[in-house]
N, C-alpha and C. Protein backbone atom coordinates (compact mmCIF):
# COMPACT_ATOMS: atom_id res chain seq x y z
N UNK A 1 13.86 -33.20 4.84
CA UNK A 1 14.19 -31.95 5.49
C UNK A 1 13.38 -30.84 4.83
N UNK A 2 12.77 -30.00 5.63
CA UNK A 2 11.95 -28.90 5.13
C UNK A 2 12.61 -27.58 5.48
N UNK A 3 12.69 -26.71 4.49
CA UNK A 3 13.24 -25.38 4.71
C UNK A 3 12.10 -24.38 4.70
N UNK A 4 12.06 -23.55 5.70
CA UNK A 4 11.02 -22.53 5.77
C UNK A 4 11.64 -21.17 5.48
N UNK A 5 11.00 -20.42 4.64
CA UNK A 5 11.46 -19.09 4.30
C UNK A 5 10.65 -18.10 5.11
N UNK A 6 11.34 -17.21 5.79
CA UNK A 6 10.65 -16.18 6.57
C UNK A 6 10.21 -15.07 5.62
N UNK A 7 8.92 -14.95 5.43
CA UNK A 7 8.38 -13.92 4.55
C UNK A 7 7.90 -12.75 5.40
N UNK A 8 8.55 -11.64 5.23
CA UNK A 8 8.21 -10.46 6.00
C UNK A 8 7.07 -9.73 5.31
N UNK A 9 6.05 -9.46 6.07
CA UNK A 9 4.90 -8.72 5.55
C UNK A 9 5.19 -7.22 5.58
N UNK A 10 4.97 -6.57 4.49
CA UNK A 10 5.13 -5.12 4.41
C UNK A 10 3.72 -4.52 4.45
N UNK A 11 3.25 -4.28 5.67
CA UNK A 11 1.90 -3.77 5.89
C UNK A 11 1.96 -2.32 6.35
N UNK A 12 0.86 -1.61 6.13
CA UNK A 12 0.83 -0.21 6.54
C UNK A 12 0.55 -0.09 8.04
N UNK A 13 1.09 0.97 8.60
CA UNK A 13 0.81 1.32 9.98
C UNK A 13 -0.09 2.55 9.99
N UNK A 14 -1.04 2.56 10.90
CA UNK A 14 -1.94 3.69 10.99
C UNK A 14 -1.64 4.44 12.26
N UNK A 15 -1.71 5.72 12.27
CA UNK A 15 -2.30 6.61 11.27
C UNK A 15 -1.30 7.23 10.30
N UNK A 16 -0.01 6.85 10.37
CA UNK A 16 0.98 7.52 9.52
C UNK A 16 1.12 6.93 8.12
N UNK A 17 0.63 5.72 7.91
CA UNK A 17 0.66 5.05 6.60
C UNK A 17 2.07 4.83 6.08
N UNK A 18 2.97 4.54 7.01
CA UNK A 18 4.31 4.09 6.64
C UNK A 18 4.34 2.58 6.83
N UNK A 19 5.20 1.91 6.09
CA UNK A 19 5.35 0.46 6.20
C UNK A 19 5.87 0.11 7.59
N UNK A 20 5.26 -0.88 8.21
CA UNK A 20 5.68 -1.31 9.54
C UNK A 20 7.05 -1.98 9.53
N UNK A 21 7.47 -2.49 8.37
CA UNK A 21 8.73 -3.20 8.27
C UNK A 21 9.89 -2.30 7.88
N UNK A 22 9.72 -1.51 6.83
CA UNK A 22 10.84 -0.71 6.31
C UNK A 22 10.68 0.79 6.54
N UNK A 23 9.57 1.21 7.11
CA UNK A 23 9.28 2.60 7.45
C UNK A 23 9.23 3.55 6.23
N UNK A 24 9.07 2.99 5.05
CA UNK A 24 8.88 3.80 3.85
C UNK A 24 7.39 4.09 3.69
N UNK A 25 7.02 5.13 2.94
CA UNK A 25 5.59 5.38 2.70
C UNK A 25 4.95 4.14 2.07
N UNK A 26 3.81 3.73 2.65
CA UNK A 26 3.11 2.54 2.16
C UNK A 26 2.16 2.92 1.04
N UNK A 27 2.06 2.14 -0.02
CA UNK A 27 2.74 0.89 -0.24
C UNK A 27 4.19 1.09 -0.66
N UNK A 28 5.10 0.46 0.08
CA UNK A 28 6.52 0.52 -0.23
C UNK A 28 6.80 -0.39 -1.44
N UNK A 29 8.02 -0.39 -1.90
CA UNK A 29 8.37 -1.20 -3.08
C UNK A 29 8.07 -2.68 -2.85
N UNK A 30 8.37 -3.19 -1.66
CA UNK A 30 8.10 -4.61 -1.37
C UNK A 30 6.60 -4.88 -1.32
N UNK A 31 5.83 -3.99 -0.73
CA UNK A 31 4.38 -4.17 -0.69
C UNK A 31 3.80 -4.17 -2.10
N UNK A 32 4.28 -3.27 -2.94
CA UNK A 32 3.80 -3.21 -4.32
C UNK A 32 4.08 -4.53 -5.04
N UNK A 33 5.30 -5.03 -4.90
CA UNK A 33 5.65 -6.30 -5.55
C UNK A 33 4.77 -7.44 -5.04
N UNK A 34 4.56 -7.50 -3.73
CA UNK A 34 3.72 -8.54 -3.15
C UNK A 34 2.27 -8.42 -3.62
N UNK A 35 1.75 -7.20 -3.67
CA UNK A 35 0.37 -6.99 -4.11
C UNK A 35 0.19 -7.37 -5.57
N UNK A 36 1.17 -7.04 -6.41
CA UNK A 36 1.08 -7.40 -7.83
C UNK A 36 1.03 -8.92 -8.01
N UNK A 37 1.79 -9.64 -7.21
CA UNK A 37 1.75 -11.10 -7.28
C UNK A 37 0.42 -11.62 -6.76
N UNK A 38 0.00 -11.11 -5.62
CA UNK A 38 -1.24 -11.59 -4.99
C UNK A 38 -2.47 -11.36 -5.86
N UNK A 39 -2.51 -10.22 -6.55
CA UNK A 39 -3.69 -9.87 -7.35
C UNK A 39 -3.44 -10.02 -8.85
N UNK A 40 -2.44 -10.78 -9.26
CA UNK A 40 -2.06 -10.86 -10.67
C UNK A 40 -3.21 -11.31 -11.59
N UNK A 41 -4.09 -12.13 -11.09
CA UNK A 41 -5.21 -12.59 -11.91
C UNK A 41 -6.44 -11.68 -11.81
N UNK A 42 -6.38 -10.73 -10.89
CA UNK A 42 -7.53 -9.86 -10.65
C UNK A 42 -7.09 -8.40 -10.51
N UNK A 43 -6.55 -7.80 -11.57
CA UNK A 43 -6.03 -6.43 -11.47
C UNK A 43 -7.10 -5.40 -11.10
N UNK A 44 -8.34 -5.62 -11.50
CA UNK A 44 -9.39 -4.66 -11.14
C UNK A 44 -9.68 -4.72 -9.64
N UNK A 45 -9.57 -5.88 -9.04
CA UNK A 45 -9.75 -6.01 -7.59
C UNK A 45 -8.61 -5.30 -6.86
N UNK A 46 -7.40 -5.37 -7.40
CA UNK A 46 -6.28 -4.63 -6.81
C UNK A 46 -6.56 -3.14 -6.82
N UNK A 47 -7.09 -2.63 -7.91
CA UNK A 47 -7.42 -1.21 -8.00
C UNK A 47 -8.48 -0.82 -6.98
N UNK A 48 -9.48 -1.66 -6.82
CA UNK A 48 -10.54 -1.40 -5.83
C UNK A 48 -9.94 -1.42 -4.42
N UNK A 49 -9.13 -2.41 -4.13
CA UNK A 49 -8.49 -2.51 -2.82
C UNK A 49 -7.65 -1.28 -2.53
N UNK A 50 -6.81 -0.89 -3.49
CA UNK A 50 -5.93 0.26 -3.29
C UNK A 50 -6.72 1.56 -3.17
N UNK A 51 -7.83 1.67 -3.89
CA UNK A 51 -8.68 2.86 -3.76
C UNK A 51 -9.24 2.97 -2.35
N UNK A 52 -9.66 1.86 -1.79
CA UNK A 52 -10.18 1.87 -0.41
C UNK A 52 -9.07 2.21 0.58
N UNK A 53 -7.88 1.68 0.35
CA UNK A 53 -6.76 2.00 1.22
C UNK A 53 -6.40 3.49 1.13
N UNK A 54 -6.44 4.04 -0.08
CA UNK A 54 -6.14 5.46 -0.28
C UNK A 54 -7.16 6.33 0.45
N UNK A 55 -8.42 5.93 0.39
CA UNK A 55 -9.47 6.67 1.08
C UNK A 55 -9.23 6.67 2.59
N UNK A 56 -8.88 5.51 3.14
CA UNK A 56 -8.57 5.42 4.58
C UNK A 56 -7.35 6.27 4.93
N UNK A 57 -6.32 6.21 4.09
CA UNK A 57 -5.11 7.00 4.33
C UNK A 57 -5.43 8.49 4.30
N UNK A 58 -6.26 8.90 3.36
CA UNK A 58 -6.65 10.30 3.25
C UNK A 58 -7.29 10.78 4.56
N UNK A 59 -8.17 9.96 5.10
CA UNK A 59 -8.81 10.31 6.36
C UNK A 59 -7.83 10.39 7.52
N UNK A 60 -6.95 9.41 7.62
CA UNK A 60 -5.96 9.39 8.70
C UNK A 60 -4.98 10.55 8.60
N UNK A 61 -4.49 10.81 7.38
CA UNK A 61 -3.45 11.81 7.20
C UNK A 61 -3.95 13.24 7.31
N UNK A 62 -5.26 13.43 7.25
CA UNK A 62 -5.82 14.79 7.37
C UNK A 62 -6.67 14.95 8.63
N UNK A 63 -6.64 13.96 9.52
CA UNK A 63 -7.55 13.95 10.67
C UNK A 63 -7.27 15.05 11.69
N UNK A 64 -6.10 15.62 11.68
CA UNK A 64 -5.77 16.67 12.64
C UNK A 64 -5.58 18.01 11.97
N UNK A 65 -6.26 18.20 10.83
CA UNK A 65 -6.21 19.48 10.14
C UNK A 65 -5.04 19.65 9.18
N UNK A 66 -4.29 18.59 8.95
CA UNK A 66 -3.18 18.68 8.01
C UNK A 66 -3.73 18.82 6.59
N UNK A 67 -2.97 19.47 5.71
CA UNK A 67 -3.44 19.55 4.31
C UNK A 67 -3.39 18.17 3.65
N UNK A 68 -4.20 18.00 2.63
CA UNK A 68 -4.26 16.74 1.89
C UNK A 68 -2.91 16.50 1.20
N UNK A 69 -2.31 15.34 1.40
CA UNK A 69 -1.08 15.02 0.67
C UNK A 69 -1.35 15.01 -0.83
N UNK A 70 -0.46 15.60 -1.59
CA UNK A 70 -0.67 15.71 -3.03
C UNK A 70 -0.27 14.46 -3.80
N UNK A 71 0.40 13.53 -3.16
CA UNK A 71 0.93 12.37 -3.87
C UNK A 71 0.12 11.09 -3.70
N UNK A 72 -1.03 11.15 -3.06
CA UNK A 72 -1.75 9.92 -2.74
C UNK A 72 -2.17 9.12 -3.98
N UNK A 73 -2.65 9.79 -5.01
CA UNK A 73 -3.06 9.05 -6.21
C UNK A 73 -1.87 8.30 -6.81
N UNK A 74 -0.76 8.98 -6.96
CA UNK A 74 0.43 8.32 -7.51
C UNK A 74 0.92 7.21 -6.58
N UNK A 75 0.90 7.50 -5.31
CA UNK A 75 1.39 6.55 -4.31
C UNK A 75 0.56 5.27 -4.27
N UNK A 76 -0.76 5.39 -4.41
CA UNK A 76 -1.62 4.23 -4.26
C UNK A 76 -2.09 3.60 -5.57
N UNK A 77 -2.26 4.38 -6.62
CA UNK A 77 -2.94 3.82 -7.80
C UNK A 77 -2.17 3.81 -9.10
N UNK A 78 -1.38 4.82 -9.37
CA UNK A 78 -0.74 4.93 -10.69
C UNK A 78 0.09 3.70 -11.03
N UNK A 79 0.89 3.23 -10.11
CA UNK A 79 1.78 2.10 -10.36
C UNK A 79 1.00 0.82 -10.65
N UNK A 80 -0.15 0.66 -10.03
CA UNK A 80 -0.92 -0.58 -10.21
C UNK A 80 -1.61 -0.63 -11.56
N UNK A 81 -1.94 0.50 -12.10
CA UNK A 81 -2.63 0.54 -13.40
C UNK A 81 -1.71 0.18 -14.55
N UNK A 82 -0.42 0.39 -14.38
CA UNK A 82 0.54 0.16 -15.47
C UNK A 82 1.25 -1.18 -15.34
N UNK A 83 0.89 -1.93 -14.35
CA UNK A 83 1.58 -3.21 -14.13
C UNK A 83 0.96 -4.32 -14.96
């Protein structure tokens, strides 16, 4: 007998950059935990990936003349550097 676990992906939605699953600002807590596991052997690659995601989010979130969100660095990078 095989048991399958339903793993819900916590991915970002564009252009608002909220999690498609829990509607929290992405990366949400679940996305962070999943990313830390996925990139555990390659923390520098995680930083590069998150930097690219932050750059895309910056473009999306300011595309209609909105001011730059002040929390993007903390939201995308600070947590990954200390893990």
